[in-house]
Amino acid sequence: MESNNQTTVSSGQKISPFLWFNDQAEEAMNYYVSIFKNAKILTVVRYGEAGPGPKGAFMCGSFSIEGQQFNVLNGDSQYKFSPATSFLVNCETQEEIDYLWNKLSDGGKHYACGWLDDKFGVTWQITPSRLLNYINDPDPEKSKRVMLAMMKMIKLDIKVLEDAYNNK
């Protein structure tokens, strides 16, 4: 194995996601880093003389988004991603929701309630950060209105959720 750095990069996280791709790990890592503002590649490891992949081919790497470290691997086609595991992205503004929704869903699939699969099959939830507060409000009528409004949406709309919360 060959690495582009001489030291081990650790975010200090005890647990971090590890994503198994068929052969798109490097492309996915570069894609995610290009979308999120506070993101960077941490490590790239390429196969050396011992293989099992061709010398110089991408084997695995790590990157961070908003301080959260992710790890990627080119495995094989044995495993696939599933919506049973997703990444929740808390957004402060509708502009942020719109931007991330458009970027991450390009070439992917849309689901209800702010869920999407990106072009690699990784599932993301693009949600307003205040949504859980609305749904968890002690007033059951407010919570119900927000939940009913959310269930009608594909991409979440902060204004519609706020209006439901405030009974407008």
Protein backbone atom coordinates (compact mmCIF):
# COMPACT_ATOMS: atom_id res chain seq x y z
CA MET A 1 0.00 0.00 0.00
CA GLU A 2 1.12 3.50 -0.73
CA SER A 3 -0.19 6.57 1.05
CA ASN A 4 -0.05 10.23 0.16
CA ASN A 5 0.88 11.13 3.73
CA GLN A 6 3.46 9.95 6.20
CA THR A 7 1.36 10.12 9.34
CA THR A 8 -1.89 8.57 10.40
CA VAL A 9 -4.70 11.10 10.31
CA SER A 10 -7.16 10.75 13.15
CA SER A 11 -10.06 13.05 13.86
CA GLY A 12 -10.16 11.94 17.47
CA GLN A 13 -13.49 10.26 16.78
CA LYS A 14 -13.84 6.84 18.32
CA ILE A 15 -16.43 5.85 15.70
CA SER A 16 -16.70 7.07 12.10
CA PRO A 17 -18.68 5.84 9.07
CA PHE A 18 -16.91 3.52 6.66
CA LEU A 19 -18.47 3.37 3.18
CA TRP A 20 -17.88 0.38 0.91
CA PHE A 21 -18.02 1.18 -2.80
CA ASN A 22 -17.54 -1.12 -5.76
CA ASP A 23 -14.99 1.04 -7.58
CA GLN A 24 -16.20 4.63 -7.05
CA ALA A 25 -14.78 5.45 -3.62
CA GLU A 26 -12.31 8.07 -4.81
CA GLU A 27 -14.90 9.68 -7.09
CA ALA A 28 -17.46 9.74 -4.26
CA MET A 29 -14.96 11.21 -1.79
CA ASN A 30 -14.02 13.99 -4.23
CA TYR A 31 -17.70 14.60 -5.00
CA TYR A 32 -18.71 15.00 -1.34
CA VAL A 33 -15.75 17.28 -0.59
CA SER A 34 -16.72 19.47 -3.57
CA ILE A 35 -20.31 19.89 -2.31
CA PHE A 36 -19.88 20.73 1.35
CA LYS A 37 -18.21 24.01 2.33
CA ASN A 38 -16.33 22.76 5.38
CA ALA A 39 -14.90 19.58 3.87
CA LYS A 40 -11.48 18.21 3.03
CA ILE A 41 -9.69 15.04 1.99
CA LEU A 42 -7.63 13.62 4.84
CA THR A 43 -5.94 10.53 3.39
CA VAL A 44 -5.60 8.62 0.14
CA VAL A 45 -4.15 5.11 0.09
CA ARG A 46 -3.26 3.50 -3.22
CA TYR A 47 -2.30 -0.09 -3.93
CA GLY A 48 1.40 -0.85 -4.01
CA GLU A 49 3.33 -3.77 -5.49
CA ALA A 50 1.54 -6.33 -3.27
CA GLY A 51 -1.94 -5.49 -4.66
CA PRO A 52 -4.53 -6.93 -4.63
CA GLY A 53 -5.49 -4.08 -6.97
CA PRO A 54 -3.35 -2.59 -9.71
CA LYS A 55 -0.38 -0.59 -8.44
CA GLY A 56 -1.39 3.04 -8.00
CA ALA A 57 -5.15 2.36 -8.04
CA PHE A 58 -7.22 3.90 -5.23
CA MET A 59 -7.80 1.48 -2.35
CA CYS A 60 -9.21 3.60 0.48
CA GLY A 61 -9.24 7.07 1.94
CA SER A 62 -10.76 9.41 4.44
CA PHE A 63 -12.32 12.84 4.35
CA SER A 64 -14.19 15.14 6.69
CA ILE A 65 -17.40 17.13 6.39
CA GLU A 66 -18.12 19.66 9.13
CA GLY A 67 -15.62 17.87 11.36
CA GLN A 68 -17.20 14.43 10.85
CA GLN A 69 -14.70 11.95 9.47
CA PHE A 70 -15.81 9.48 6.79
CA ASN A 71 -13.82 6.56 5.41
CA VAL A 72 -14.21 5.02 1.97
CA LEU A 73 -13.05 1.79 0.37
CA ASN A 74 -13.10 0.30 -3.10
CA GLY A 75 -14.30 -3.18 -2.22
CA ASP A 76 -16.31 -4.91 -4.89
CA SER A 77 -19.96 -5.25 -5.88
CA GLN A 78 -20.75 -7.67 -3.04
CA TYR A 79 -22.48 -5.01 -0.88
CA LYS A 80 -24.93 -2.24 -1.71
CA PHE A 81 -26.07 0.86 0.16
CA SER A 82 -29.57 0.95 1.64
CA PRO A 83 -31.82 3.70 3.04
CA ALA A 84 -31.66 1.74 6.30
CA THR A 85 -28.46 3.73 6.88
CA SER A 86 -28.48 7.43 6.02
CA PHE A 87 -26.70 10.67 6.80
CA LEU A 88 -28.79 13.42 8.39
CA VAL A 89 -27.74 16.92 7.37
CA ASN A 90 -29.18 19.69 9.57
CA CYS A 91 -29.67 22.86 7.55
CA GLU A 92 -30.27 26.36 8.92
CA THR A 93 -31.78 27.96 5.80
CA GLN A 94 -33.93 27.03 2.83
CA GLU A 95 -31.06 28.08 0.57
CA GLU A 96 -28.84 25.47 2.21
CA ILE A 97 -31.56 22.81 1.85
CA ASP A 98 -32.06 23.71 -1.82
CA TYR A 99 -28.33 23.70 -2.56
CA LEU A 100 -27.59 20.37 -0.88
CA TRP A 101 -30.77 18.78 -2.25
CA ASN A 102 -29.90 19.77 -5.81
CA LYS A 103 -26.24 18.74 -5.57
CA LEU A 104 -26.70 15.45 -3.73
CA SER A 105 -29.77 14.30 -5.64
CA ASP A 106 -28.25 14.96 -9.08
CA GLY A 107 -28.26 11.52 -10.70
CA GLY A 108 -29.94 9.95 -7.68
CA LYS A 109 -33.46 9.37 -6.36
CA HIS A 110 -35.87 11.42 -4.26
CA TYR A 111 -37.94 10.05 -1.41
CA ALA A 112 -40.52 11.56 0.91
CA CYS A 113 -39.73 13.75 3.91
CA GLY A 114 -36.37 15.10 2.74
CA TRP A 115 -34.69 11.78 1.98
CA LEU A 116 -32.64 11.16 -1.17
CA ASP A 117 -30.14 8.75 -2.64
CA ASP A 118 -27.13 10.29 -4.35
CA LYS A 119 -25.70 8.97 -7.61
CA PHE A 120 -23.63 6.43 -5.65
CA GLY A 121 -26.64 5.04 -3.78
CA VAL A 122 -25.77 6.67 -0.43
CA THR A 123 -28.88 7.94 1.39
CA TRP A 124 -29.05 11.44 2.86
CA GLN A 125 -31.70 13.29 4.86
CA ILE A 126 -31.65 17.02 4.10
CA THR A 127 -33.65 18.62 6.90
CA PRO A 128 -34.10 21.94 8.66
CA SER A 129 -32.30 21.87 12.00
CA ARG A 130 -35.47 23.03 13.77
CA LEU A 131 -37.62 20.17 12.47
CA LEU A 132 -37.09 17.85 15.44
CA ASN A 133 -37.98 20.69 17.83
CA TYR A 134 -41.23 21.23 15.93
CA ILE A 135 -42.11 17.54 15.89
CA ASN A 136 -41.16 17.15 19.54
CA ASP A 137 -43.15 20.20 20.72
CA PRO A 138 -45.11 19.57 23.93
CA ASP A 139 -48.23 20.92 22.17
CA PRO A 140 -49.56 17.83 20.36
CA GLU A 141 -51.53 19.95 17.86
CA LYS A 142 -48.39 21.82 16.72
CA SER A 143 -46.49 18.58 16.43
CA LYS A 144 -49.30 16.94 14.47
CA ARG A 145 -49.61 19.85 12.02
CA VAL A 146 -45.87 19.80 11.30
CA MET A 147 -45.83 16.03 10.90
CA LEU A 148 -48.78 16.11 8.48
CA ALA A 149 -47.16 18.92 6.46
CA MET A 150 -43.83 17.08 6.31
CA MET A 151 -45.45 13.83 5.17
CA LYS A 152 -46.75 15.63 2.04
CA MET A 153 -43.29 16.83 0.99
CA ILE A 154 -40.43 15.39 -0.98
CA LYS A 155 -37.85 18.18 -0.47
CA LEU A 156 -38.58 19.91 2.83
CA ASP A 157 -39.75 23.52 2.83
CA ILE A 158 -38.96 25.49 6.01
CA LYS A 159 -41.68 28.10 5.38
CA VAL A 160 -44.41 25.46 5.01
CA LEU A 161 -43.22 23.68 8.15
CA GLU A 162 -43.12 26.96 10.10
CA ASP A 163 -46.59 27.86 8.88
CA ALA A 164 -47.88 24.48 10.01
CA TYR A 165 -46.20 24.92 13.38
CA ASN A 166 -47.71 28.39 13.82
CA ASN A 167 -51.10 27.29 12.42
CA LYS A 168 -51.02 29.74 9.49
